[in-house]
Amino acid sequence: MMQLDKCLAKKWIPGGIPPRIANMMQLESLDLSYNQLSGEIPPAMAAMSFLEVLDLSYNHLSGQIPQSSQFSTFLNTSFLGNDRLCGKPLTRLCETNHTPSATATPGTSKELNLEFLSIEVGVVSGLAIIVATMLLWRNGRSWVYWHVDKFWLQVLQPWISRHRR
């Protein structure tokens, strides 16, 4: 069984956690606390099944904590001091299913919400069919005109009576 030497782990490691660390499949203990690490926890680390001790506290990590049976065994103290981390075991839940990025701002998502779009297309298509049928059918056209005139008369009558005084 391999253990990462504590002296090596306590050295400052520039940037983020290298994804290659997940290749150390028999690693039992990993302490990268107080290293000013940034970025996300590599998702491949979720496959490190021998990892019993993990301390990533007091860095600048962000994004969602990888969800696996192994990561669910770590206490929230393993992730303290990383204000932009979210997901279990922390109480701060992630806003979306996607990992948050440092550059994304709320309301700037360019993803297309197909569910919402399909509802809009259905409603607009249905109304267009009804209106087209009413306008092309002679009796329907006069029915629509009569109801539209009646509606505007009801809406505008209080305004007209107020301005005549």
N, C-alpha and C. Protein backbone atom coordinates (compact mmCIF):
# COMPACT_ATOMS: atom_id res chain seq x y z
N MET A 1 0.83 -1.17 0.00
CA MET A 1 0.00 0.00 0.00
C MET A 1 0.89 1.25 0.00
N MET A 2 0.45 2.24 -0.77
CA MET A 2 1.23 3.47 -0.88
C MET A 2 0.65 4.54 0.02
N GLN A 3 1.51 5.36 0.58
CA GLN A 3 1.08 6.56 1.29
C GLN A 3 1.94 7.70 0.78
N LEU A 4 1.29 8.84 0.56
CA LEU A 4 2.01 10.01 0.10
C LEU A 4 2.74 10.60 1.30
N ASP A 5 4.02 10.83 1.15
CA ASP A 5 4.83 11.38 2.22
C ASP A 5 4.27 12.74 2.65
N LYS A 6 4.05 12.93 3.98
CA LYS A 6 3.46 14.17 4.48
C LYS A 6 4.30 15.38 4.10
N CYS A 7 5.61 15.25 4.07
CA CYS A 7 6.46 16.39 3.70
C CYS A 7 6.19 16.80 2.26
N LEU A 8 6.05 15.82 1.40
CA LEU A 8 5.79 16.11 0.00
C LEU A 8 4.40 16.75 -0.15
N ALA A 9 3.43 16.25 0.58
CA ALA A 9 2.07 16.76 0.46
C ALA A 9 1.94 18.16 1.01
N LYS A 10 2.74 18.55 1.98
CA LYS A 10 2.64 19.86 2.59
C LYS A 10 3.40 20.93 1.80
N LYS A 11 4.15 20.54 0.79
CA LYS A 11 4.82 21.52 -0.06
C LYS A 11 3.78 22.26 -0.88
N TRP A 12 4.10 23.49 -1.23
CA TRP A 12 3.19 24.26 -2.06
C TRP A 12 3.17 23.68 -3.45
N ILE A 13 1.97 23.39 -3.94
CA ILE A 13 1.80 22.84 -5.29
C ILE A 13 1.08 23.92 -6.09
N PRO A 14 1.74 24.52 -7.09
CA PRO A 14 1.09 25.60 -7.84
C PRO A 14 -0.08 25.08 -8.67
N GLY A 15 -1.11 25.92 -8.82
CA GLY A 15 -2.25 25.57 -9.67
C GLY A 15 -3.24 24.68 -8.96
N GLY A 16 -3.70 23.70 -9.66
CA GLY A 16 -4.73 22.82 -9.12
C GLY A 16 -4.20 21.42 -8.86
N ILE A 17 -5.11 20.57 -8.45
CA ILE A 17 -4.77 19.17 -8.23
C ILE A 17 -4.61 18.51 -9.59
N PRO A 18 -3.46 17.92 -9.86
CA PRO A 18 -3.28 17.30 -11.19
C PRO A 18 -4.19 16.08 -11.35
N PRO A 19 -4.88 15.98 -12.45
CA PRO A 19 -5.77 14.82 -12.67
C PRO A 19 -5.03 13.49 -12.62
N ARG A 20 -3.73 13.52 -12.89
CA ARG A 20 -2.94 12.28 -12.87
C ARG A 20 -2.89 11.64 -11.49
N ILE A 21 -3.21 12.41 -10.46
CA ILE A 21 -3.15 11.86 -9.11
C ILE A 21 -4.12 10.69 -8.97
N ALA A 22 -5.17 10.67 -9.77
CA ALA A 22 -6.14 9.57 -9.72
C ALA A 22 -5.55 8.26 -10.21
N ASN A 23 -4.39 8.32 -10.88
CA ASN A 23 -3.73 7.09 -11.32
C ASN A 23 -3.11 6.33 -10.15
N MET A 24 -2.99 6.99 -9.00
CA MET A 24 -2.42 6.35 -7.80
C MET A 24 -3.55 5.62 -7.09
N MET A 25 -4.02 4.54 -7.68
CA MET A 25 -5.21 3.85 -7.24
C MET A 25 -5.10 3.24 -5.84
N GLN A 26 -3.89 2.97 -5.36
CA GLN A 26 -3.75 2.35 -4.04
C GLN A 26 -3.35 3.36 -2.96
N LEU A 27 -3.45 4.62 -3.26
CA LEU A 27 -3.12 5.67 -2.30
C LEU A 27 -4.14 5.62 -1.15
N GLU A 28 -3.62 5.62 0.09
CA GLU A 28 -4.50 5.51 1.26
C GLU A 28 -4.73 6.85 1.96
N SER A 29 -3.76 7.74 1.88
CA SER A 29 -3.85 9.00 2.61
C SER A 29 -3.31 10.13 1.73
N LEU A 30 -4.07 11.23 1.69
CA LEU A 30 -3.66 12.36 0.87
C LEU A 30 -3.99 13.64 1.62
N ASP A 31 -2.96 14.41 1.96
CA ASP A 31 -3.14 15.66 2.68
C ASP A 31 -2.56 16.79 1.84
N LEU A 32 -3.44 17.57 1.21
CA LEU A 32 -3.03 18.70 0.38
C LEU A 32 -3.54 20.01 0.98
N SER A 33 -3.75 20.03 2.29
CA SER A 33 -4.28 21.22 2.95
C SER A 33 -3.26 22.35 2.94
N TYR A 34 -3.76 23.59 2.98
CA TYR A 34 -2.95 24.81 3.04
C TYR A 34 -1.93 24.90 1.90
N ASN A 35 -2.34 24.60 0.69
CA ASN A 35 -1.43 24.66 -0.44
C ASN A 35 -1.80 25.71 -1.49
N GLN A 36 -2.81 26.50 -1.24
CA GLN A 36 -3.27 27.51 -2.18
C GLN A 36 -3.66 26.91 -3.53
N LEU A 37 -4.18 25.69 -3.49
CA LEU A 37 -4.63 25.03 -4.72
C LEU A 37 -5.90 25.72 -5.22
N SER A 38 -6.06 25.77 -6.53
CA SER A 38 -7.26 26.37 -7.11
C SER A 38 -7.85 25.40 -8.13
N GLY A 39 -9.02 25.75 -8.63
CA GLY A 39 -9.67 24.91 -9.63
C GLY A 39 -10.56 23.87 -8.98
N GLU A 40 -10.91 22.88 -9.75
CA GLU A 40 -11.85 21.85 -9.30
C GLU A 40 -11.11 20.60 -8.85
N ILE A 41 -11.79 19.80 -8.04
CA ILE A 41 -11.26 18.50 -7.64
C ILE A 41 -11.44 17.59 -8.86
N PRO A 42 -10.38 16.96 -9.34
CA PRO A 42 -10.54 16.11 -10.53
C PRO A 42 -11.58 15.02 -10.31
N PRO A 43 -12.58 14.92 -11.19
CA PRO A 43 -13.62 13.90 -11.03
C PRO A 43 -13.06 12.48 -10.99
N ALA A 44 -11.91 12.26 -11.63
CA ALA A 44 -11.31 10.92 -11.66
C ALA A 44 -10.90 10.46 -10.26
N MET A 45 -10.75 11.40 -9.32
CA MET A 45 -10.37 11.01 -7.96
C MET A 45 -11.46 10.19 -7.29
N ALA A 46 -12.68 10.24 -7.80
CA ALA A 46 -13.78 9.46 -7.24
C ALA A 46 -13.52 7.96 -7.36
N ALA A 47 -12.64 7.56 -8.27
CA ALA A 47 -12.34 6.15 -8.47
C ALA A 47 -11.23 5.64 -7.55
N MET A 48 -10.68 6.51 -6.71
CA MET A 48 -9.59 6.10 -5.80
C MET A 48 -10.19 5.38 -4.60
N SER A 49 -10.43 4.08 -4.75
CA SER A 49 -11.17 3.31 -3.76
C SER A 49 -10.39 3.01 -2.48
N PHE A 50 -9.06 3.09 -2.49
CA PHE A 50 -8.27 2.80 -1.29
C PHE A 50 -8.08 4.05 -0.42
N LEU A 51 -8.47 5.20 -0.91
CA LEU A 51 -8.26 6.45 -0.19
C LEU A 51 -9.11 6.48 1.08
N GLU A 52 -8.43 6.45 2.25
CA GLU A 52 -9.12 6.46 3.53
C GLU A 52 -9.10 7.83 4.19
N VAL A 53 -8.02 8.59 3.96
CA VAL A 53 -7.87 9.90 4.57
C VAL A 53 -7.65 10.92 3.46
N LEU A 54 -8.46 11.98 3.48
CA LEU A 54 -8.32 13.04 2.49
C LEU A 54 -8.46 14.38 3.21
N ASP A 55 -7.49 15.27 3.00
CA ASP A 55 -7.58 16.61 3.57
C ASP A 55 -7.23 17.62 2.49
N LEU A 56 -8.24 18.30 1.99
CA LEU A 56 -8.06 19.34 0.97
C LEU A 56 -8.42 20.71 1.55
N SER A 57 -8.42 20.81 2.86
CA SER A 57 -8.89 22.03 3.52
C SER A 57 -7.96 23.21 3.29
N TYR A 58 -8.58 24.39 3.37
CA TYR A 58 -7.90 25.69 3.30
C TYR A 58 -7.06 25.86 2.03
N ASN A 59 -7.74 25.69 0.92
CA ASN A 59 -7.20 25.98 -0.40
C ASN A 59 -8.17 26.94 -1.08
N HIS A 60 -8.13 27.02 -2.37
CA HIS A 60 -9.06 27.88 -3.13
C HIS A 60 -9.80 27.03 -4.16
N LEU A 61 -10.22 25.85 -3.75
CA LEU A 61 -10.89 24.92 -4.67
C LEU A 61 -12.32 25.36 -4.92
N SER A 62 -12.84 25.01 -6.10
CA SER A 62 -14.20 25.39 -6.47
C SER A 62 -14.87 24.24 -7.18
N GLY A 63 -16.17 24.37 -7.37
CA GLY A 63 -16.93 23.36 -8.10
C GLY A 63 -17.53 22.32 -7.18
N GLN A 64 -18.04 21.26 -7.80
CA GLN A 64 -18.72 20.21 -7.07
C GLN A 64 -17.73 19.15 -6.60
N ILE A 65 -17.91 18.71 -5.38
CA ILE A 65 -17.11 17.62 -4.85
C ILE A 65 -17.54 16.35 -5.58
N PRO A 66 -16.58 15.56 -6.09
CA PRO A 66 -16.98 14.33 -6.80
C PRO A 66 -17.85 13.45 -5.91
N GLN A 67 -18.90 12.91 -6.51
CA GLN A 67 -19.83 12.08 -5.76
C GLN A 67 -19.53 10.61 -6.04
N SER A 68 -19.07 9.94 -5.01
CA SER A 68 -18.81 8.50 -5.11
C SER A 68 -18.95 7.93 -3.72
N SER A 69 -19.00 6.61 -3.65
CA SER A 69 -19.13 5.99 -2.33
C SER A 69 -17.90 6.30 -1.48
N GLN A 70 -16.74 6.43 -2.10
CA GLN A 70 -15.52 6.73 -1.35
C GLN A 70 -15.53 8.16 -0.82
N PHE A 71 -15.91 9.13 -1.64
CA PHE A 71 -15.93 10.52 -1.21
C PHE A 71 -17.02 10.78 -0.17
N SER A 72 -18.05 9.96 -0.15
CA SER A 72 -19.11 10.16 0.84
C SER A 72 -18.65 9.77 2.25
N THR A 73 -17.51 9.07 2.37
CA THR A 73 -17.00 8.69 3.69
C THR A 73 -16.20 9.81 4.35
N PHE A 74 -15.80 10.82 3.58
CA PHE A 74 -14.99 11.91 4.13
C PHE A 74 -15.89 12.92 4.83
N LEU A 75 -15.41 13.44 5.95
CA LEU A 75 -16.16 14.45 6.69
C LEU A 75 -16.04 15.80 6.00
N ASN A 76 -16.94 16.72 6.36
CA ASN A 76 -16.88 18.05 5.76
C ASN A 76 -15.61 18.79 6.16
N THR A 77 -14.94 18.37 7.23
CA THR A 77 -13.68 19.00 7.63
C THR A 77 -12.58 18.79 6.59
N SER A 78 -12.74 17.79 5.77
CA SER A 78 -11.76 17.54 4.70
C SER A 78 -11.76 18.64 3.65
N PHE A 79 -12.85 19.44 3.63
CA PHE A 79 -13.02 20.43 2.58
C PHE A 79 -13.17 21.85 3.14
N LEU A 80 -12.95 22.06 4.42
CA LEU A 80 -13.10 23.37 5.04
C LEU A 80 -12.20 24.41 4.38
N GLY A 81 -12.64 25.65 4.38
CA GLY A 81 -11.82 26.74 3.88
C GLY A 81 -11.78 26.86 2.37
N ASN A 82 -12.62 26.14 1.68
CA ASN A 82 -12.75 26.23 0.23
C ASN A 82 -14.15 26.78 -0.04
N ASP A 83 -14.26 28.10 -0.07
CA ASP A 83 -15.57 28.74 -0.09
C ASP A 83 -16.39 28.47 -1.34
N ARG A 84 -15.74 28.05 -2.41
CA ARG A 84 -16.50 27.84 -3.65
C ARG A 84 -16.73 26.37 -3.96
N LEU A 85 -16.50 25.49 -2.98
CA LEU A 85 -16.83 24.08 -3.15
C LEU A 85 -18.28 23.86 -2.75
N CYS A 86 -18.93 22.89 -3.40
CA CYS A 86 -20.31 22.58 -3.06
C CYS A 86 -20.55 21.09 -3.23
N GLY A 87 -21.66 20.64 -2.69
CA GLY A 87 -22.03 19.22 -2.78
C GLY A 87 -21.69 18.48 -1.51
N LYS A 88 -22.20 17.27 -1.41
CA LYS A 88 -21.98 16.45 -0.22
C LYS A 88 -20.50 16.15 -0.06
N PRO A 89 -20.01 16.15 1.15
CA PRO A 89 -20.63 16.19 2.46
C PRO A 89 -20.88 17.61 3.00
N LEU A 90 -20.61 18.64 2.22
CA LEU A 90 -20.84 20.01 2.68
C LEU A 90 -22.34 20.30 2.71
N THR A 91 -22.72 21.26 3.51
CA THR A 91 -24.13 21.65 3.56
C THR A 91 -24.50 22.54 2.39
N ARG A 92 -23.51 23.15 1.73
CA ARG A 92 -23.77 24.03 0.58
C ARG A 92 -23.98 23.16 -0.66
N LEU A 93 -25.21 23.17 -1.16
CA LEU A 93 -25.54 22.38 -2.34
C LEU A 93 -25.20 23.15 -3.60
N CYS A 94 -24.89 22.44 -4.65
CA CYS A 94 -24.59 23.08 -5.93
C CYS A 94 -25.88 23.57 -6.56
N GLU A 95 -25.82 24.69 -7.27
CA GLU A 95 -27.01 25.29 -7.87
C GLU A 95 -27.52 24.48 -9.06
N THR A 96 -26.63 23.82 -9.79
CA THR A 96 -27.03 23.06 -10.96
C THR A 96 -26.38 21.71 -10.91
N ASN A 97 -26.75 20.88 -11.87
CA ASN A 97 -26.10 19.58 -11.98
C ASN A 97 -24.70 19.69 -12.55
N HIS A 98 -24.42 20.83 -13.17
CA HIS A 98 -23.10 21.06 -13.75
C HIS A 98 -22.20 21.64 -12.69
N THR A 99 -20.91 21.42 -12.83
CA THR A 99 -19.99 22.02 -11.89
C THR A 99 -19.88 23.50 -12.16
N PRO A 100 -20.00 24.33 -11.12
CA PRO A 100 -19.90 25.76 -11.33
C PRO A 100 -18.49 26.16 -11.74
N SER A 101 -18.38 27.08 -12.63
CA SER A 101 -17.06 27.56 -13.01
C SER A 101 -16.87 28.96 -12.48
N ALA A 102 -15.63 29.35 -12.31
CA ALA A 102 -15.34 30.65 -11.74
C ALA A 102 -15.73 31.78 -12.69
N THR A 103 -15.79 31.49 -13.99
CA THR A 103 -16.08 32.55 -14.96
C THR A 103 -17.57 32.70 -15.23
N ALA A 104 -18.36 31.69 -14.88
CA ALA A 104 -19.79 31.77 -15.16
C ALA A 104 -20.47 32.71 -14.18
N THR A 105 -21.38 33.50 -14.69
CA THR A 105 -22.17 34.38 -13.84
C THR A 105 -23.62 33.99 -13.99
N PRO A 106 -24.41 34.18 -12.96
CA PRO A 106 -25.82 33.79 -13.04
C PRO A 106 -26.53 34.52 -14.18
N GLY A 107 -27.38 33.76 -14.89
CA GLY A 107 -28.17 34.37 -15.95
C GLY A 107 -27.47 34.45 -17.29
N THR A 108 -26.25 33.92 -17.42
CA THR A 108 -25.56 34.01 -18.70
C THR A 108 -25.45 32.65 -19.38
N SER A 109 -26.24 31.68 -18.93
CA SER A 109 -26.17 30.35 -19.51
C SER A 109 -26.66 30.40 -20.95
N LYS A 110 -25.91 29.77 -21.84
CA LYS A 110 -26.29 29.76 -23.25
C LYS A 110 -26.92 28.44 -23.65
N GLU A 111 -27.23 27.60 -22.65
CA GLU A 111 -27.87 26.33 -22.94
C GLU A 111 -29.33 26.56 -23.28
N LEU A 112 -29.85 25.78 -24.18
CA LEU A 112 -31.23 25.90 -24.61
C LEU A 112 -32.10 24.98 -23.78
N ASN A 113 -33.11 25.53 -23.12
CA ASN A 113 -34.01 24.74 -22.32
C ASN A 113 -35.10 24.20 -23.24
N LEU A 114 -34.95 22.95 -23.69
CA LEU A 114 -35.86 22.38 -24.68
C LEU A 114 -37.25 22.18 -24.13
N GLU A 115 -37.37 21.88 -22.85
CA GLU A 115 -38.69 21.67 -22.25
C GLU A 115 -39.50 22.96 -22.33
N PHE A 116 -38.90 24.06 -21.94
CA PHE A 116 -39.57 25.36 -21.99
C PHE A 116 -39.89 25.75 -23.43
N LEU A 117 -38.94 25.53 -24.33
CA LEU A 117 -39.12 25.88 -25.73
C LEU A 117 -40.26 25.08 -26.36
N SER A 118 -40.37 23.79 -26.05
CA SER A 118 -41.41 22.97 -26.64
C SER A 118 -42.80 23.41 -26.18
N ILE A 119 -42.92 23.87 -24.93
CA ILE A 119 -44.21 24.37 -24.45
C ILE A 119 -44.58 25.64 -25.21
N GLU A 120 -43.61 26.55 -25.37
CA GLU A 120 -43.88 27.79 -26.10
C GLU A 120 -44.30 27.51 -27.54
N VAL A 121 -43.58 26.63 -28.19
CA VAL A 121 -43.89 26.31 -29.59
C VAL A 121 -45.29 25.72 -29.68
N GLY A 122 -45.66 24.86 -28.75
CA GLY A 122 -47.00 24.26 -28.76
C GLY A 122 -48.10 25.29 -28.56
N VAL A 123 -47.92 26.19 -27.62
CA VAL A 123 -48.94 27.21 -27.36
C VAL A 123 -49.07 28.15 -28.55
N VAL A 124 -47.96 28.62 -29.08
CA VAL A 124 -48.00 29.55 -30.22
C VAL A 124 -48.61 28.86 -31.44
N SER A 125 -48.25 27.61 -31.69
CA SER A 125 -48.83 26.88 -32.83
C SER A 125 -50.33 26.71 -32.67
N GLY A 126 -50.77 26.35 -31.48
CA GLY A 126 -52.20 26.18 -31.23
C GLY A 126 -52.97 27.48 -31.43
N LEU A 127 -52.44 28.58 -30.91
CA LEU A 127 -53.11 29.87 -31.10
C LEU A 127 -53.12 30.28 -32.56
N ALA A 128 -52.04 30.03 -33.26
CA ALA A 128 -51.97 30.39 -34.68
C ALA A 128 -53.01 29.61 -35.48
N ILE A 129 -53.20 28.35 -35.18
CA ILE A 129 -54.20 27.54 -35.89
C ILE A 129 -55.60 28.08 -35.62
N ILE A 130 -55.88 28.40 -34.35
CA ILE A 130 -57.21 28.92 -33.99
C ILE A 130 -57.46 30.26 -34.67
N VAL A 131 -56.51 31.17 -34.60
CA VAL A 131 -56.68 32.50 -35.20
C VAL A 131 -56.81 32.39 -36.71
N ALA A 132 -55.98 31.57 -37.33
CA ALA A 132 -56.05 31.42 -38.79
C ALA A 132 -57.41 30.85 -39.20
N THR A 133 -57.91 29.87 -38.47
CA THR A 133 -59.21 29.29 -38.79
C THR A 133 -60.31 30.32 -38.65
N MET A 134 -60.25 31.10 -37.57
CA MET A 134 -61.28 32.11 -37.33
C MET A 134 -61.27 33.19 -38.41
N LEU A 135 -60.09 33.62 -38.81
CA LEU A 135 -60.00 34.70 -39.79
C LEU A 135 -60.33 34.23 -41.21
N LEU A 136 -60.03 32.99 -41.53
CA LEU A 136 -60.30 32.49 -42.88
C LEU A 136 -61.75 32.05 -43.05
N TRP A 137 -62.39 31.66 -42.01
CA TRP A 137 -63.79 31.26 -42.06
C TRP A 137 -64.64 32.51 -41.85
N ARG A 138 -65.56 32.78 -42.77
CA ARG A 138 -66.28 34.05 -42.78
C ARG A 138 -67.05 34.31 -41.47
N ASN A 139 -67.81 33.35 -40.99
CA ASN A 139 -68.56 33.53 -39.74
C ASN A 139 -67.59 33.66 -38.55
N GLY A 140 -66.51 32.97 -38.61
CA GLY A 140 -65.51 33.05 -37.55
C GLY A 140 -64.87 34.42 -37.49
N ARG A 141 -64.64 34.99 -38.68
CA ARG A 141 -64.04 36.32 -38.75
C ARG A 141 -64.94 37.36 -38.11
N SER A 142 -66.23 37.33 -38.42
CA SER A 142 -67.13 38.31 -37.81
C SER A 142 -67.29 38.06 -36.32
N TRP A 143 -67.25 36.80 -35.91
CA TRP A 143 -67.30 36.48 -34.47
C TRP A 143 -66.09 37.06 -33.76
N VAL A 144 -64.88 36.91 -34.33
CA VAL A 144 -63.65 37.44 -33.73
C VAL A 144 -63.72 38.96 -33.67
N TYR A 145 -64.13 39.62 -34.76
CA TYR A 145 -64.20 41.07 -34.78
C TYR A 145 -65.17 41.58 -33.71
N TRP A 146 -66.35 40.92 -33.60
CA TRP A 146 -67.36 41.34 -32.64
C TRP A 146 -66.81 41.25 -31.22
N HIS A 147 -66.11 40.12 -30.88
CA HIS A 147 -65.57 39.93 -29.53
C HIS A 147 -64.39 40.86 -29.25
N VAL A 148 -63.58 41.13 -30.23
CA VAL A 148 -62.47 42.06 -30.04
C VAL A 148 -63.01 43.47 -29.80
N ASP A 149 -64.00 43.88 -30.58
CA ASP A 149 -64.61 45.20 -30.38
C ASP A 149 -65.24 45.29 -28.99
N LYS A 150 -65.96 44.25 -28.59
CA LYS A 150 -66.61 44.23 -27.28
C LYS A 150 -65.56 44.33 -26.16
N PHE A 151 -64.46 43.61 -26.31
CA PHE A 151 -63.38 43.64 -25.31
C PHE A 151 -62.80 45.04 -25.18
N TRP A 152 -62.46 45.66 -26.33
CA TRP A 152 -61.87 47.00 -26.27
C TRP A 152 -62.85 48.03 -25.72
N LEU A 153 -64.12 47.86 -26.00
CA LEU A 153 -65.13 48.78 -25.46
C LEU A 153 -65.18 48.68 -23.94
N GLN A 154 -65.11 47.45 -23.42
CA GLN A 154 -65.12 47.26 -21.97
C GLN A 154 -63.84 47.80 -21.32
N VAL A 155 -62.73 47.63 -21.98
CA VAL A 155 -61.45 48.08 -21.43
C VAL A 155 -61.33 49.59 -21.49
N LEU A 156 -61.72 50.17 -22.62
CA LEU A 156 -61.53 51.61 -22.82
C LEU A 156 -62.66 52.48 -22.29
N GLN A 157 -63.84 51.91 -22.04
CA GLN A 157 -64.98 52.72 -21.60
C GLN A 157 -64.69 53.49 -20.30
N PRO A 158 -64.10 52.90 -19.26
CA PRO A 158 -63.80 53.69 -18.05
C PRO A 158 -62.82 54.82 -18.34
N TRP A 159 -61.88 54.59 -19.19
CA TRP A 159 -60.88 55.62 -19.53
C TRP A 159 -61.54 56.77 -20.30
N ILE A 160 -62.42 56.40 -21.25
CA ILE A 160 -63.10 57.41 -22.06
C ILE A 160 -64.03 58.25 -21.18
N SER A 161 -64.76 57.59 -20.29
CA SER A 161 -65.70 58.34 -19.44
C SER A 161 -64.96 59.25 -18.46
N ARG A 162 -63.79 58.88 -18.01
CA ARG A 162 -62.99 59.73 -17.12
C ARG A 162 -62.47 60.96 -17.85
N HIS A 163 -62.13 60.83 -19.11
CA HIS A 163 -61.55 61.94 -19.86
C HIS A 163 -62.61 62.86 -20.47
N ARG A 164 -63.86 62.47 -20.49
CA ARG A 164 -64.93 63.32 -21.03
C ARG A 164 -65.39 64.35 -20.01
N ARG A 165 -65.13 64.11 -18.77
CA ARG A 165 -65.58 65.01 -17.71
C ARG A 165 -64.84 66.28 -17.70
